[in-house]
Amino acid sequence: VSLVSILLTTAIIYILHQNNKEININIDVRLVQVNERMIKYKLLVGVADWVQNCTGKMQLFFVYWDMSLCLRTLTEALDESCFVALETQNKLK
């Protein structure tokens, strides 16, 4: 195997990898639009672009998420923080 063939193969793989790496901006904009509509069903849509053997494989993922527990915990933490702040202010008076 010659050094020229190794360099040529490496250059081709690098170029193919760089070309397949970029996600089209139209896909990104459409994902935002889809996610804005799917949020009421608690679903998020995502795209993963995997490069294997110099070919890009796009995979579509759907993720179910429920924010009610997070919102409840955040609300309780903020209420507790507000209560502690008021209690501290009353002690300082």
N, C-alpha and C. Protein backbone atom coordinates (compact mmCIF):
# COMPACT_ATOMS: atom_id res chain seq x y z
N VAL A 1 0.86 -1.18 0.00
CA VAL A 1 0.00 0.00 0.00
C VAL A 1 0.90 1.23 0.00
N SER A 2 0.63 2.10 -0.90
CA SER A 2 1.48 3.28 -1.01
C SER A 2 0.97 4.41 -0.12
N LEU A 3 1.83 5.32 0.16
CA LEU A 3 1.51 6.47 1.00
C LEU A 3 0.47 7.37 0.31
N VAL A 4 0.53 7.45 -1.00
CA VAL A 4 -0.42 8.27 -1.76
C VAL A 4 -1.84 7.72 -1.62
N SER A 5 -2.01 6.41 -1.71
CA SER A 5 -3.35 5.82 -1.59
C SER A 5 -3.91 6.01 -0.18
N ILE A 6 -3.05 5.93 0.84
CA ILE A 6 -3.51 6.15 2.22
C ILE A 6 -3.97 7.59 2.39
N LEU A 7 -3.19 8.54 1.89
CA LEU A 7 -3.57 9.95 2.01
C LEU A 7 -4.84 10.25 1.22
N LEU A 8 -4.98 9.68 0.04
CA LEU A 8 -6.17 9.90 -0.78
C LEU A 8 -7.41 9.33 -0.09
N THR A 9 -7.31 8.13 0.45
CA THR A 9 -8.43 7.51 1.16
C THR A 9 -8.81 8.33 2.38
N THR A 10 -7.82 8.78 3.13
CA THR A 10 -8.08 9.60 4.31
C THR A 10 -8.77 10.90 3.93
N ALA A 11 -8.33 11.53 2.85
CA ALA A 11 -8.95 12.78 2.40
C ALA A 11 -10.40 12.56 1.99
N ILE A 12 -10.68 11.48 1.28
CA ILE A 12 -12.06 11.19 0.84
C ILE A 12 -12.95 10.93 2.05
N ILE A 13 -12.49 10.15 3.00
CA ILE A 13 -13.28 9.87 4.20
C ILE A 13 -13.55 11.15 4.97
N TYR A 14 -12.54 12.01 5.09
CA TYR A 14 -12.71 13.27 5.80
C TYR A 14 -13.74 14.16 5.11
N ILE A 15 -13.67 14.27 3.79
CA ILE A 15 -14.62 15.10 3.04
C ILE A 15 -16.04 14.55 3.18
N LEU A 16 -16.21 13.25 3.04
CA LEU A 16 -17.54 12.66 3.19
C LEU A 16 -18.08 12.85 4.60
N HIS A 17 -17.22 12.72 5.58
CA HIS A 17 -17.63 12.90 6.97
C HIS A 17 -18.09 14.34 7.21
N GLN A 18 -17.37 15.31 6.69
CA GLN A 18 -17.74 16.71 6.87
C GLN A 18 -19.03 17.06 6.14
N ASN A 19 -19.25 16.50 4.96
CA ASN A 19 -20.48 16.78 4.21
C ASN A 19 -21.70 16.17 4.88
N ASN A 20 -21.58 15.01 5.45
CA ASN A 20 -22.71 14.34 6.09
C ASN A 20 -22.96 14.85 7.50
N LYS A 21 -22.05 15.62 8.04
CA LYS A 21 -22.14 16.06 9.42
C LYS A 21 -23.18 17.15 9.63
N GLU A 22 -23.37 18.00 8.63
CA GLU A 22 -24.24 19.15 8.78
C GLU A 22 -25.70 18.75 8.60
N ILE A 23 -26.54 19.23 9.53
CA ILE A 23 -27.98 19.02 9.40
C ILE A 23 -28.54 20.21 8.63
N ASN A 24 -29.40 19.93 7.70
CA ASN A 24 -30.00 20.95 6.86
C ASN A 24 -30.78 21.93 7.74
N ILE A 25 -30.66 23.23 7.46
CA ILE A 25 -31.35 24.25 8.25
C ILE A 25 -32.86 24.10 8.12
N ASN A 26 -33.35 23.61 6.98
CA ASN A 26 -34.79 23.40 6.81
C ASN A 26 -35.31 22.36 7.79
N ILE A 27 -34.53 21.33 8.04
CA ILE A 27 -34.93 20.31 9.00
C ILE A 27 -35.03 20.91 10.39
N ASP A 28 -34.08 21.75 10.74
CA ASP A 28 -34.07 22.39 12.04
C ASP A 28 -35.30 23.28 12.24
N VAL A 29 -35.63 24.07 11.22
CA VAL A 29 -36.80 24.96 11.30
C VAL A 29 -38.08 24.15 11.39
N ARG A 30 -38.16 23.08 10.62
CA ARG A 30 -39.36 22.24 10.66
C ARG A 30 -39.51 21.53 11.99
N LEU A 31 -38.39 21.12 12.59
CA LEU A 31 -38.46 20.49 13.91
C LEU A 31 -39.02 21.45 14.95
N VAL A 32 -38.64 22.71 14.87
CA VAL A 32 -39.17 23.71 15.80
C VAL A 32 -40.68 23.82 15.63
N GLN A 33 -41.14 23.88 14.39
CA GLN A 33 -42.57 23.98 14.12
C GLN A 33 -43.32 22.75 14.61
N VAL A 34 -42.76 21.58 14.38
CA VAL A 34 -43.41 20.34 14.83
C VAL A 34 -43.45 20.29 16.35
N ASN A 35 -42.35 20.65 17.01
CA ASN A 35 -42.31 20.61 18.46
C ASN A 35 -43.27 21.61 19.09
N GLU A 36 -43.48 22.76 18.44
CA GLU A 36 -44.46 23.72 18.95
C GLU A 36 -45.87 23.13 18.93
N ARG A 37 -46.16 22.30 17.95
CA ARG A 37 -47.48 21.67 17.87
C ARG A 37 -47.60 20.45 18.78
N MET A 38 -46.50 19.71 18.94
CA MET A 38 -46.53 18.47 19.72
C MET A 38 -46.42 18.71 21.22
N ILE A 39 -46.08 19.93 21.63
CA ILE A 39 -45.86 20.20 23.05
C ILE A 39 -47.16 20.00 23.84
N LYS A 40 -48.31 20.23 23.22
CA LYS A 40 -49.57 20.04 23.95
C LYS A 40 -49.85 18.56 24.22
N TYR A 41 -49.19 17.67 23.49
CA TYR A 41 -49.30 16.23 23.73
C TYR A 41 -48.14 15.69 24.56
N LYS A 42 -47.29 16.61 25.04
CA LYS A 42 -46.11 16.26 25.85
C LYS A 42 -45.13 15.38 25.09
N LEU A 43 -44.98 15.66 23.80
CA LEU A 43 -44.03 14.94 22.95
C LEU A 43 -43.02 15.91 22.36
N LEU A 44 -41.79 15.48 22.28
CA LEU A 44 -40.75 16.23 21.58
C LEU A 44 -40.20 15.35 20.47
N VAL A 45 -39.89 15.97 19.34
CA VAL A 45 -39.34 15.24 18.20
C VAL A 45 -37.90 15.71 18.00
N GLY A 46 -37.01 14.76 17.78
CA GLY A 46 -35.61 15.09 17.56
C GLY A 46 -35.04 14.26 16.42
N VAL A 47 -33.98 14.78 15.82
CA VAL A 47 -33.30 14.09 14.73
C VAL A 47 -31.84 13.88 15.12
N ALA A 48 -31.37 12.68 14.92
CA ALA A 48 -29.96 12.37 15.13
C ALA A 48 -29.36 11.98 13.78
N ASP A 49 -28.22 12.53 13.48
CA ASP A 49 -27.54 12.25 12.22
C ASP A 49 -26.28 11.46 12.53
N TRP A 50 -26.32 10.16 12.26
CA TRP A 50 -25.19 9.28 12.54
C TRP A 50 -24.43 9.00 11.26
N VAL A 51 -23.12 9.07 11.32
CA VAL A 51 -22.28 8.76 10.16
C VAL A 51 -21.63 7.41 10.40
N GLN A 52 -21.96 6.44 9.53
CA GLN A 52 -21.39 5.10 9.62
C GLN A 52 -20.94 4.68 8.24
N ASN A 53 -19.72 4.21 8.15
CA ASN A 53 -19.17 3.74 6.88
C ASN A 53 -19.34 4.78 5.77
N CYS A 54 -19.06 6.02 6.13
CA CYS A 54 -19.10 7.14 5.18
C CYS A 54 -20.50 7.42 4.63
N THR A 55 -21.54 6.96 5.29
CA THR A 55 -22.90 7.29 4.89
C THR A 55 -23.65 7.83 6.10
N GLY A 56 -24.41 8.87 5.87
CA GLY A 56 -25.18 9.46 6.95
C GLY A 56 -26.51 8.75 7.12
N LYS A 57 -26.85 8.47 8.36
CA LYS A 57 -28.13 7.84 8.66
C LYS A 57 -28.88 8.75 9.62
N MET A 58 -30.01 9.27 9.16
CA MET A 58 -30.81 10.14 10.02
C MET A 58 -31.84 9.29 10.74
N GLN A 59 -31.95 9.53 12.04
CA GLN A 59 -32.92 8.80 12.85
C GLN A 59 -33.84 9.81 13.52
N LEU A 60 -35.11 9.47 13.56
CA LEU A 60 -36.13 10.33 14.15
C LEU A 60 -36.49 9.77 15.52
N PHE A 61 -36.47 10.63 16.53
CA PHE A 61 -36.77 10.22 17.90
C PHE A 61 -37.97 10.99 18.42
N PHE A 62 -38.86 10.28 19.13
CA PHE A 62 -39.97 10.90 19.83
C PHE A 62 -39.74 10.69 21.32
N VAL A 63 -39.83 11.77 22.08
CA VAL A 63 -39.59 11.70 23.52
C VAL A 63 -40.84 12.20 24.24
N TYR A 64 -41.38 11.36 25.13
CA TYR A 64 -42.51 11.77 25.96
C TYR A 64 -41.97 12.39 27.23
N TRP A 65 -42.49 13.52 27.61
CA TRP A 65 -42.04 14.17 28.83
C TRP A 65 -43.23 14.76 29.56
N ASP A 66 -43.16 14.70 30.87
CA ASP A 66 -44.22 15.24 31.72
C ASP A 66 -43.58 16.20 32.71
N MET A 67 -43.89 17.46 32.59
CA MET A 67 -43.26 18.49 33.41
C MET A 67 -44.02 18.77 34.70
N SER A 68 -45.13 18.10 34.96
CA SER A 68 -45.94 18.45 36.12
C SER A 68 -45.17 18.26 37.43
N LEU A 69 -44.40 17.18 37.57
CA LEU A 69 -43.63 16.97 38.79
C LEU A 69 -42.56 18.05 38.96
N CYS A 70 -41.89 18.40 37.87
CA CYS A 70 -40.86 19.46 37.93
C CYS A 70 -41.48 20.80 38.30
N LEU A 71 -42.63 21.13 37.70
CA LEU A 71 -43.28 22.40 38.00
C LEU A 71 -43.75 22.45 39.45
N ARG A 72 -44.28 21.34 39.95
CA ARG A 72 -44.74 21.28 41.33
C ARG A 72 -43.56 21.46 42.29
N THR A 73 -42.46 20.76 42.03
CA THR A 73 -41.28 20.86 42.88
C THR A 73 -40.71 22.27 42.85
N LEU A 74 -40.66 22.88 41.68
CA LEU A 74 -40.16 24.24 41.56
C LEU A 74 -41.05 25.22 42.30
N THR A 75 -42.37 25.06 42.18
CA THR A 75 -43.30 25.93 42.88
C THR A 75 -43.13 25.81 44.39
N GLU A 76 -43.01 24.57 44.88
CA GLU A 76 -42.81 24.36 46.32
C GLU A 76 -41.50 24.98 46.79
N ALA A 77 -40.45 24.83 46.00
CA ALA A 77 -39.15 25.40 46.38
C ALA A 77 -39.21 26.92 46.41
N LEU A 78 -39.89 27.53 45.44
CA LEU A 78 -40.01 28.98 45.42
C LEU A 78 -40.87 29.48 46.57
N ASP A 79 -41.95 28.76 46.88
CA ASP A 79 -42.79 29.14 48.02
C ASP A 79 -42.01 29.05 49.32
N GLU A 80 -41.23 27.99 49.48
CA GLU A 80 -40.42 27.82 50.68
C GLU A 80 -39.37 28.92 50.78
N SER A 81 -38.76 29.25 49.66
CA SER A 81 -37.75 30.31 49.63
C SER A 81 -38.37 31.65 50.00
N CYS A 82 -39.56 31.91 49.49
CA CYS A 82 -40.26 33.16 49.81
C CYS A 82 -40.61 33.20 51.29
N PHE A 83 -41.06 32.07 51.85
CA PHE A 83 -41.41 31.99 53.27
C PHE A 83 -40.18 32.25 54.13
N VAL A 84 -39.06 31.66 53.78
CA VAL A 84 -37.81 31.85 54.54
C VAL A 84 -37.36 33.30 54.45
N ALA A 85 -37.50 33.90 53.29
CA ALA A 85 -37.10 35.30 53.12
C ALA A 85 -37.97 36.21 53.97
N LEU A 86 -39.28 35.96 54.01
CA LEU A 86 -40.17 36.77 54.84
C LEU A 86 -39.86 36.58 56.32
N GLU A 87 -39.58 35.35 56.72
CA GLU A 87 -39.25 35.07 58.11
C GLU A 87 -37.97 35.79 58.51
N THR A 88 -36.99 35.79 57.64
CA THR A 88 -35.72 36.48 57.91
C THR A 88 -35.93 37.99 57.99
N GLN A 89 -36.76 38.53 57.12
CA GLN A 89 -37.04 39.96 57.16
C GLN A 89 -37.75 40.34 58.45
N ASN A 90 -38.66 39.49 58.92
CA ASN A 90 -39.36 39.77 60.17
C ASN A 90 -38.41 39.75 61.35
N LYS A 91 -37.42 38.86 61.34
CA LYS A 91 -36.44 38.80 62.43
C LYS A 91 -35.55 40.03 62.44
N LEU A 92 -35.26 40.58 61.28
CA LEU A 92 -34.39 41.75 61.20
C LEU A 92 -35.08 43.04 61.62
N LYS A 93 -36.38 43.07 61.64
CA LYS A 93 -37.13 44.29 62.00
C LYS A 93 -37.12 44.54 63.47
